[in-house]
PDB file of all heavy atoms in Angstrom:
ATOM      1  N   ALA A   1     154.334  35.842 -98.539  1.00  0.00           N
ATOM      2  CA  ALA A   1     153.449  34.955 -99.025  1.00  0.00           C
ATOM      3  C   ALA A   1     152.609  34.156 -97.951  1.00  0.00           C
ATOM      4  O   ALA A   1     151.654  33.438 -98.283  1.00  0.00           O
ATOM      5  CB  ALA A   1     154.105  33.802 -99.917  1.00  0.00           C
ATOM      6  N   GLY A   2     153.030  34.445 -96.699  1.00  0.00           N
ATOM      7  CA  GLY A   2     152.251  33.835 -95.587  1.00  0.00           C
ATOM      8  C   GLY A   2     152.830  32.526 -95.052  1.00  0.00           C
ATOM      9  O   GLY A   2     152.123  31.922 -94.198  1.00  0.00           O
ATOM     10  N   THR A   3     154.039  32.186 -95.418  1.00  0.00           N
ATOM     11  CA  THR A   3     154.648  31.091 -94.882  1.00  0.00           C
ATOM     12  C   THR A   3     155.126  31.403 -93.455  1.00  0.00           C
ATOM     13  O   THR A   3     155.986  32.386 -93.310  1.00  0.00           O
ATOM     14  CB  THR A   3     155.873  30.609 -95.742  1.00  0.00           C
ATOM     15  OG1 THR A   3     155.413  30.371 -97.035  1.00  0.00           O
ATOM     16  CG2 THR A   3     156.491  29.423 -95.153  1.00  0.00           C
ATOM     17  N   ARG A   4     154.751  30.610 -92.583  1.00  0.00           N
ATOM     18  CA  ARG A   4     155.057  30.884 -91.145  1.00  0.00           C
ATOM     19  C   ARG A   4     156.039  29.841 -90.513  1.00  0.00           C
ATOM     20  O   ARG A   4     156.146  28.726 -90.936  1.00  0.00           O
ATOM     21  CB  ARG A   4     153.796  30.763 -90.176  1.00  0.00           C
ATOM     22  CG  ARG A   4     152.688  31.684 -90.657  1.00  0.00           C
ATOM     23  CD  ARG A   4     151.620  31.520 -89.636  1.00  0.00           C
ATOM     24  NE  ARG A   4     150.262  31.832 -90.203  1.00  0.00           N
ATOM     25  CZ  ARG A   4     149.101  31.579 -89.657  1.00  0.00           C
ATOM     26  NH1 ARG A   4     149.096  30.887 -88.504  1.00  0.00           N
ATOM     27  NH2 ARG A   4     147.979  31.857 -90.208  1.00  0.00           N
ATOM     28  N   ARG A   5     156.838  30.299 -89.573  1.00  0.00           N
ATOM     29  CA  ARG A   5     157.645  29.459 -88.729  1.00  0.00           C
ATOM     30  C   ARG A   5     157.596  30.003 -87.355  1.00  0.00           C
ATOM     31  O   ARG A   5     157.833  31.256 -87.126  1.00  0.00           O
ATOM     32  CB  ARG A   5     159.133  29.546 -89.196  1.00  0.00           C
ATOM     33  CG  ARG A   5     159.983  28.463 -88.450  1.00  0.00           C
ATOM     34  CD  ARG A   5     161.288  28.235 -89.236  1.00  0.00           C
ATOM     35  NE  ARG A   5     162.159  29.382 -89.196  1.00  0.00           N
ATOM     36  CZ  ARG A   5     163.109  29.683 -88.292  1.00  0.00           C
ATOM     37  NH1 ARG A   5     163.293  28.861 -87.169  1.00  0.00           N
ATOM     38  NH2 ARG A   5     163.793  30.729 -88.429  1.00  0.00           N
ATOM     39  N   ILE A   6     157.207  29.170 -86.406  1.00  0.00           N
ATOM     40  CA  ILE A   6     157.092  29.494 -85.034  1.00  0.00           C
ATOM     41  C   ILE A   6     157.963  28.527 -84.231  1.00  0.00           C
ATOM     42  O   ILE A   6     157.975  27.402 -84.394  1.00  0.00           O
ATOM     43  CB  ILE A   6     155.613  29.452 -84.522  1.00  0.00           C
ATOM     44  CG1 ILE A   6     154.735  30.338 -85.462  1.00  0.00           C
ATOM     45  CG2 ILE A   6     155.380  29.814 -83.127  1.00  0.00           C
ATOM     46  CD1 ILE A   6     153.268  30.169 -85.240  1.00  0.00           C
ATOM     47  N   ALA A   7     158.622  29.172 -83.229  1.00  0.00           N
ATOM     48  CA  ALA A   7     159.468  28.375 -82.295  1.00  0.00           C
ATOM     49  C   ALA A   7     158.674  27.311 -81.607  1.00  0.00           C
ATOM     50  O   ALA A   7     157.531  27.515 -81.153  1.00  0.00           O
ATOM     51  CB  ALA A   7     160.150  29.279 -81.348  1.00  0.00           C
ATOM     52  N   ASP A   8     159.301  26.122 -81.533  1.00  0.00           N
ATOM     53  CA  ASP A   8     158.604  25.008 -80.903  1.00  0.00           C
ATOM     54  C   ASP A   8     158.156  25.212 -79.410  1.00  0.00           C
ATOM     55  O   ASP A   8     157.146  24.801 -78.979  1.00  0.00           O
ATOM     56  CB  ASP A   8     159.537  23.792 -80.941  1.00  0.00           C
ATOM     57  CG  ASP A   8     159.666  23.145 -82.325  1.00  0.00           C
ATOM     58  OD1 ASP A   8     158.821  23.416 -83.166  1.00  0.00           O
ATOM     59  OD2 ASP A   8     160.671  22.412 -82.498  1.00  0.00           O
ATOM     60  N   SER A   9     158.945  26.078 -78.804  1.00  0.00           N
ATOM     61  CA  SER A   9     158.803  26.365 -77.370  1.00  0.00           C
ATOM     62  C   SER A   9     157.412  27.131 -77.160  1.00  0.00           C
ATOM     63  O   SER A   9     156.925  27.117 -76.053  1.00  0.00           O
ATOM     64  CB  SER A   9     159.894  27.121 -76.775  1.00  0.00           C
ATOM     65  OG  SER A   9     160.176  28.360 -77.431  1.00  0.00           O
ATOM     66  N   VAL A  10     156.961  27.861 -78.211  1.00  0.00           N
ATOM     67  CA  VAL A  10     155.822  28.692 -78.062  1.00  0.00           C
ATOM     68  C   VAL A  10     154.756  28.337 -79.026  1.00  0.00           C
ATOM     69  O   VAL A  10     153.700  28.995 -79.087  1.00  0.00           O
ATOM     70  CB  VAL A  10     156.138  30.156 -78.113  1.00  0.00           C
ATOM     71  CG1 VAL A  10     157.150  30.579 -76.984  1.00  0.00           C
ATOM     72  CG2 VAL A  10     156.563  30.581 -79.397  1.00  0.00           C
ATOM     73  N   LYS A  11     154.889  27.344 -79.800  1.00  0.00           N
ATOM     74  CA  LYS A  11     154.012  26.979 -80.918  1.00  0.00           C
ATOM     75  C   LYS A  11     152.561  26.772 -80.525  1.00  0.00           C
ATOM     76  O   LYS A  11     151.642  27.038 -81.320  1.00  0.00           O
ATOM     77  CB  LYS A  11     154.603  25.833 -81.632  1.00  0.00           C
ATOM     78  CG  LYS A  11     154.222  25.680 -83.220  1.00  0.00           C
ATOM     79  CD  LYS A  11     155.022  24.716 -83.896  1.00  0.00           C
ATOM     80  CE  LYS A  11     154.799  24.744 -85.365  1.00  0.00           C
ATOM     81  NZ  LYS A  11     155.699  23.847 -86.175  1.00  0.00           N
ATOM     82  N   ASP A  12     152.346  26.255 -79.374  1.00  0.00           N
ATOM     83  CA  ASP A  12     151.079  25.911 -78.855  1.00  0.00           C
ATOM     84  C   ASP A  12     150.263  27.139 -78.488  1.00  0.00           C
ATOM     85  O   ASP A  12     148.986  27.114 -78.413  1.00  0.00           O
ATOM     86  CB  ASP A  12     151.107  24.977 -77.709  1.00  0.00           C
ATOM     87  CG  ASP A  12     151.612  23.591 -78.077  1.00  0.00           C
ATOM     88  OD1 ASP A  12     151.574  23.257 -79.259  1.00  0.00           O
ATOM     89  OD2 ASP A  12     152.086  22.859 -77.149  1.00  0.00           O
ATOM     90  N   ARG A  13     151.012  28.209 -78.237  1.00  0.00           N
ATOM     91  CA  ARG A  13     150.355  29.420 -77.713  1.00  0.00           C
ATOM     92  C   ARG A  13     150.438  30.698 -78.478  1.00  0.00           C
ATOM     93  O   ARG A  13     149.658  31.611 -78.403  1.00  0.00           O
ATOM     94  CB  ARG A  13     150.863  29.666 -76.276  1.00  0.00           C
ATOM     95  CG  ARG A  13     150.612  28.478 -75.321  1.00  0.00           C
ATOM     96  CD  ARG A  13     151.192  28.924 -73.894  1.00  0.00           C
ATOM     97  NE  ARG A  13     152.669  28.945 -73.937  1.00  0.00           N
ATOM     98  CZ  ARG A  13     153.358  30.208 -73.726  1.00  0.00           C
ATOM     99  NH1 ARG A  13     152.696  31.272 -73.365  1.00  0.00           N
ATOM    100  NH2 ARG A  13     154.667  30.128 -73.704  1.00  0.00           N
ATOM    101  N   PHE A  14     151.520  30.733 -79.367  1.00  0.00           N
ATOM    102  CA  PHE A  14     151.716  31.946 -80.159  1.00  0.00           C
ATOM    103  C   PHE A  14     151.382  31.658 -81.572  1.00  0.00           C
ATOM    104  O   PHE A  14     151.430  30.642 -82.214  1.00  0.00           O
ATOM    105  CB  PHE A  14     153.195  32.301 -80.092  1.00  0.00           C
ATOM    106  CG  PHE A  14     153.659  32.968 -78.781  1.00  0.00           C
ATOM    107  CD1 PHE A  14     153.456  32.242 -77.634  1.00  0.00           C
ATOM    108  CD2 PHE A  14     154.173  34.258 -78.792  1.00  0.00           C
ATOM    109  CE1 PHE A  14     153.933  32.872 -76.405  1.00  0.00           C
ATOM    110  CE2 PHE A  14     154.628  34.813 -77.592  1.00  0.00           C
ATOM    111  CZ  PHE A  14     154.442  34.116 -76.339  1.00  0.00           C
ATOM    112  N   THR A  15     150.945  32.858 -82.230  1.00  0.00           N
ATOM    113  CA  THR A  15     150.838  32.772 -83.664  1.00  0.00           C
ATOM    114  C   THR A  15     151.207  34.153 -84.278  1.00  0.00           C
ATOM    115  O   THR A  15     151.303  35.138 -83.553  1.00  0.00           O
ATOM    116  CB  THR A  15     149.352  32.460 -84.149  1.00  0.00           C
ATOM    117  OG1 THR A  15     149.241  32.261 -85.445  1.00  0.00           O
ATOM    118  CG2 THR A  15     148.388  33.680 -83.721  1.00  0.00           C
ATOM    119  N   ILE A  16     151.505  34.126 -85.584  1.00  0.00           N
ATOM    120  CA  ILE A  16     151.959  35.358 -86.316  1.00  0.00           C
ATOM    121  C   ILE A  16     151.235  35.548 -87.549  1.00  0.00           C
ATOM    122  O   ILE A  16     150.716  34.567 -88.151  1.00  0.00           O
ATOM    123  CB  ILE A  16     153.482  35.321 -86.593  1.00  0.00           C
ATOM    124  CG1 ILE A  16     154.048  36.593 -87.056  1.00  0.00           C
ATOM    125  CG2 ILE A  16     153.811  34.103 -87.524  1.00  0.00           C
ATOM    126  CD1 ILE A  16     155.554  36.597 -87.105  1.00  0.00           C
ATOM    127  N   SER A  17     151.024  36.828 -87.889  1.00  0.00           N
ATOM    128  CA  SER A  17     150.299  37.138 -89.157  1.00  0.00           C
ATOM    129  C   SER A  17     150.921  38.426 -89.749  1.00  0.00           C
ATOM    130  O   SER A  17     151.634  39.083 -89.088  1.00  0.00           O
ATOM    131  CB  SER A  17     148.775  37.343 -88.906  1.00  0.00           C
ATOM    132  OG  SER A  17     148.554  38.338 -87.975  1.00  0.00           O
ATOM    133  N   ARG A  18     150.560  38.675 -90.981  1.00  0.00           N
ATOM    134  CA  ARG A  18     151.144  39.836 -91.650  1.00  0.00           C
ATOM    135  C   ARG A  18     150.163  40.353 -92.576  1.00  0.00           C
ATOM    136  O   ARG A  18     149.460  39.667 -93.287  1.00  0.00           O
ATOM    137  CB  ARG A  18     152.398  39.335 -92.452  1.00  0.00           C
ATOM    138  CG  ARG A  18     153.166  40.449 -93.124  1.00  0.00           C
ATOM    139  CD  ARG A  18     154.516  39.841 -93.614  1.00  0.00           C
ATOM    140  NE  ARG A  18     155.355  40.815 -94.255  1.00  0.00           N
ATOM    141  CZ  ARG A  18     156.581  40.703 -94.746  1.00  0.00           C
ATOM    142  NH1 ARG A  18     157.156  39.410 -94.581  1.00  0.00           N
ATOM    143  NH2 ARG A  18     157.207  41.601 -95.347  1.00  0.00           N
ATOM    144  N   ASP A  19     150.203  41.714 -92.656  1.00  0.00           N
ATOM    145  CA  ASP A  19     149.318  42.445 -93.635  1.00  0.00           C
ATOM    146  C   ASP A  19     150.249  43.235 -94.452  1.00  0.00           C
ATOM    147  O   ASP A  19     150.842  44.229 -94.175  1.00  0.00           O
ATOM    148  CB  ASP A  19     148.373  43.437 -92.816  1.00  0.00           C
ATOM    149  CG  ASP A  19     147.386  44.133 -93.727  1.00  0.00           C
ATOM    150  OD1 ASP A  19     147.709  44.296 -94.875  1.00  0.00           O
ATOM    151  OD2 ASP A  19     146.248  44.346 -93.200  1.00  0.00           O
ATOM    152  N   ASN A  20     150.415  42.739 -95.750  1.00  0.00           N
ATOM    153  CA  ASN A  20     151.415  43.326 -96.673  1.00  0.00           C
ATOM    154  C   ASN A  20     150.932  44.823 -97.045  1.00  0.00           C
ATOM    155  O   ASN A  20     151.829  45.677 -97.225  1.00  0.00           O
ATOM    156  CB  ASN A  20     151.446  42.504 -97.965  1.00  0.00           C
ATOM    157  CG  ASN A  20     152.106  41.186 -97.654  1.00  0.00           C
ATOM    158  OD1 ASN A  20     152.958  40.993 -96.760  1.00  0.00           O
ATOM    159  ND2 ASN A  20     151.793  40.182 -98.485  1.00  0.00           N
ATOM    160  N   ALA A  21     149.683  45.027 -97.147  1.00  0.00           N
ATOM    161  CA  ALA A  21     149.182  46.392 -97.520  1.00  0.00           C
ATOM    162  C   ALA A  21     149.503  47.354 -96.452  1.00  0.00           C
ATOM    163  O   ALA A  21     149.725  48.551 -96.710  1.00  0.00           O
ATOM    164  CB  ALA A  21     147.766  46.227 -97.743  1.00  0.00           C
ATOM    165  N   LYS A  22     149.583  46.905 -95.175  1.00  0.00           N
ATOM    166  CA  LYS A  22     149.874  47.927 -94.149  1.00  0.00           C
ATOM    167  C   LYS A  22     151.268  47.776 -93.739  1.00  0.00           C
ATOM    168  O   LYS A  22     151.716  48.446 -92.712  1.00  0.00           O
ATOM    169  CB  LYS A  22     148.982  47.533 -92.901  1.00  0.00           C
ATOM    170  CG  LYS A  22     147.523  47.819 -93.177  1.00  0.00           C
ATOM    171  CD  LYS A  22     146.602  47.485 -91.920  1.00  0.00           C
ATOM    172  CE  LYS A  22     145.166  47.788 -92.096  1.00  0.00           C
ATOM    173  NZ  LYS A  22     144.422  47.434 -90.943  1.00  0.00           N
ATOM    174  N   ASN A  23     152.103  46.950 -94.349  1.00  0.00           N
ATOM    175  CA  ASN A  23     153.466  46.784 -93.894  1.00  0.00           C
ATOM    176  C   ASN A  23     153.605  46.447 -92.399  1.00  0.00           C
ATOM    177  O   ASN A  23     154.519  46.934 -91.739  1.00  0.00           O
ATOM    178  CB  ASN A  23     154.318  47.963 -94.195  1.00  0.00           C
ATOM    179  CG  ASN A  23     154.437  48.213 -95.655  1.00  0.00           C
ATOM    180  OD1 ASN A  23     154.603  47.354 -96.579  1.00  0.00           O
ATOM    181  ND2 ASN A  23     154.467  49.464 -96.078  1.00  0.00           N
ATOM    182  N   THR A  24     152.707  45.622 -92.014  1.00  0.00           N
ATOM    183  CA  THR A  24     152.603  45.353 -90.607  1.00  0.00           C
ATOM    184  C   THR A  24     152.671  43.773 -90.204  1.00  0.00           C
ATOM    185  O   THR A  24     152.020  43.024 -91.027  1.00  0.00           O
ATOM    186  CB  THR A  24     151.297  45.895 -89.997  1.00  0.00           C
ATOM    187  OG1 THR A  24     151.289  47.333 -90.246  1.00  0.00           O
ATOM    188  CG2 THR A  24     151.246  45.666 -88.453  1.00  0.00           C
ATOM    189  N   VAL A  25     153.400  43.492 -89.190  1.00  0.00           N
ATOM    190  CA  VAL A  25     153.381  42.087 -88.751  1.00  0.00           C
ATOM    191  C   VAL A  25     152.770  42.099 -87.317  1.00  0.00           C
ATOM    192  O   VAL A  25     153.044  42.980 -86.501  1.00  0.00           O
ATOM    193  CB  VAL A  25     154.749  41.481 -88.786  1.00  0.00           C
ATOM    194  CG1 VAL A  25     155.702  42.145 -87.855  1.00  0.00           C
ATOM    195  CG2 VAL A  25     154.715  39.970 -88.540  1.00  0.00           C
ATOM    196  N   TYR A  26     152.098  40.986 -87.004  1.00  0.00           N
ATOM    197  CA  TYR A  26     151.423  40.895 -85.692  1.00  0.00           C
ATOM    198  C   TYR A  26     151.927  39.642 -84.962  1.00  0.00           C
ATOM    199  O   TYR A  26     152.158  38.657 -85.614  1.00  0.00           O
ATOM    200  CB  TYR A  26     149.907  40.799 -85.872  1.00  0.00           C
ATOM    201  CG  TYR A  26     149.359  41.972 -86.637  1.00  0.00           C
ATOM    202  CD1 TYR A  26     149.237  41.826 -88.020  1.00  0.00           C
ATOM    203  CD2 TYR A  26     148.992  43.215 -86.017  1.00  0.00           C
ATOM    204  CE1 TYR A  26     148.623  42.923 -88.771  1.00  0.00           C
ATOM    205  CE2 TYR A  26     148.478  44.253 -86.773  1.00  0.00           C
ATOM    206  CZ  TYR A  26     148.284  44.022 -88.178  1.00  0.00           C
ATOM    207  OH  TYR A  26     147.715  45.111 -88.883  1.00  0.00           O
ATOM    208  N   LEU A  27     151.974  39.743 -83.659  1.00  0.00           N
ATOM    209  CA  LEU A  27     152.222  38.551 -82.860  1.00  0.00           C
ATOM    210  C   LEU A  27     151.139  38.518 -81.772  1.00  0.00           C
ATOM    211  O   LEU A  27     150.874  39.457 -81.084  1.00  0.00           O
ATOM    212  CB  LEU A  27     153.636  38.703 -82.142  1.00  0.00           C
ATOM    213  CG  LEU A  27     154.032  37.411 -81.270  1.00  0.00           C
ATOM    214  CD1 LEU A  27     154.301  36.224 -82.182  1.00  0.00           C
ATOM    215  CD2 LEU A  27     155.242  37.748 -80.365  1.00  0.00           C
ATOM    216  N   ARG A  28     150.475  37.363 -81.748  1.00  0.00           N
ATOM    217  CA  ARG A  28     149.364  37.180 -80.834  1.00  0.00           C
ATOM    218  C   ARG A  28     149.662  35.876 -80.004  1.00  0.00           C
ATOM    219  O   ARG A  28     150.121  34.901 -80.524  1.00  0.00           O
ATOM    220  CB  ARG A  28     148.042  37.017 -81.615  1.00  0.00           C
ATOM    221  CG  ARG A  28     146.832  36.956 -80.777  1.00  0.00           C
ATOM    222  CD  ARG A  28     145.556  36.883 -81.598  1.00  0.00           C
ATOM    223  NE  ARG A  28     145.295  35.491 -82.124  1.00  0.00           N
ATOM    224  CZ  ARG A  28     145.519  35.211 -83.414  1.00  0.00           C
ATOM    225  NH1 ARG A  28     145.825  36.050 -84.321  1.00  0.00           N
ATOM    226  NH2 ARG A  28     145.262  33.926 -83.774  1.00  0.00           N
ATOM    227  N   ALA A  29     149.238  35.931 -78.716  1.00  0.00           N
ATOM    228  CA  ALA A  29     149.409  34.786 -77.966  1.00  0.00           C
ATOM    229  C   ALA A  29     148.369  34.738 -76.872  1.00  0.00           C
ATOM    230  O   ALA A  29     147.715  35.699 -76.547  1.00  0.00           O
ATOM    231  CB  ALA A  29     150.738  34.790 -77.190  1.00  0.00           C
ATOM    232  N   ASN A  30     148.139  33.526 -76.444  1.00  0.00           N
ATOM    233  CA  ASN A  30     147.158  33.281 -75.328  1.00  0.00           C
ATOM    234  C   ASN A  30     147.853  32.471 -74.227  1.00  0.00           C
ATOM    235  O   ASN A  30     148.894  31.810 -74.504  1.00  0.00           O
ATOM    236  CB  ASN A  30     145.951  32.495 -75.770  1.00  0.00           C
ATOM    237  CG  ASN A  30     145.118  33.274 -76.806  1.00  0.00           C
ATOM    238  OD1 ASN A  30     144.994  32.877 -77.929  1.00  0.00           O
ATOM    239  ND2 ASN A  30     144.513  34.440 -76.316  1.00  0.00           N
ATOM    240  N   GLY A  31     147.304  32.423 -73.000  1.00  0.00           N
ATOM    241  CA  GLY A  31     147.918  31.674 -71.997  1.00  0.00           C
ATOM    242  C   GLY A  31     149.312  32.050 -71.581  1.00  0.00           C
ATOM    243  O   GLY A  31     150.184  31.135 -71.494  1.00  0.00           O
ATOM    244  N   LEU A  32     149.593  33.357 -71.468  1.00  0.00           N
ATOM    245  CA  LEU A  32     150.913  33.761 -71.121  1.00  0.00           C
ATOM    246  C   LEU A  32     151.424  33.256 -69.781  1.00  0.00           C
ATOM    247  O   LEU A  32     150.693  33.096 -68.845  1.00  0.00           O
ATOM    248  CB  LEU A  32     150.984  35.325 -71.184  1.00  0.00           C
ATOM    249  CG  LEU A  32     150.855  35.969 -72.465  1.00  0.00           C
ATOM    250  CD1 LEU A  32     151.230  37.530 -72.284  1.00  0.00           C
ATOM    251  CD2 LEU A  32     151.733  35.373 -73.559  1.00  0.00           C
ATOM    252  N   LYS A  33     152.741  32.978 -69.772  1.00  0.00           N
ATOM    253  CA  LYS A  33     153.384  32.484 -68.627  1.00  0.00           C
ATOM    254  C   LYS A  33     154.408  33.413 -68.153  1.00  0.00           C
ATOM    255  O   LYS A  33     154.840  34.312 -68.858  1.00  0.00           O
ATOM    256  CB  LYS A  33     154.015  31.120 -68.940  1.00  0.00           C
ATOM    257  CG  LYS A  33     153.039  30.081 -69.412  1.00  0.00           C
ATOM    258  CD  LYS A  33     153.841  28.826 -69.793  1.00  0.00           C
ATOM    259  CE  LYS A  33     152.868  27.749 -70.324  1.00  0.00           C
ATOM    260  NZ  LYS A  33     153.561  26.454 -70.779  1.00  0.00           N
ATOM    261  N   LEU A  34     154.878  33.267 -66.876  1.00  0.00           N
ATOM    262  CA  LEU A  34     155.913  34.122 -66.370  1.00  0.00           C
ATOM    263  C   LEU A  34     157.244  34.053 -67.248  1.00  0.00           C
ATOM    264  O   LEU A  34     157.887  35.087 -67.376  1.00  0.00           O
ATOM    265  CB  LEU A  34     156.294  33.699 -64.980  1.00  0.00           C
ATOM    266  CG  LEU A  34     155.247  33.867 -63.999  1.00  0.00           C
ATOM    267  CD1 LEU A  34     155.650  33.401 -62.542  1.00  0.00           C
ATOM    268  CD2 LEU A  34     154.741  35.342 -63.806  1.00  0.00           C
TER     269      LEU A  34
END
């Protein structure tokens, strides 16, 4: 249904999405750190 939960430690930089028709989940981030 699109309800998201993201860890507090990465919430500012990471996001998640899902395409049900493609049975695919995506993870996207910016500003990667070591």
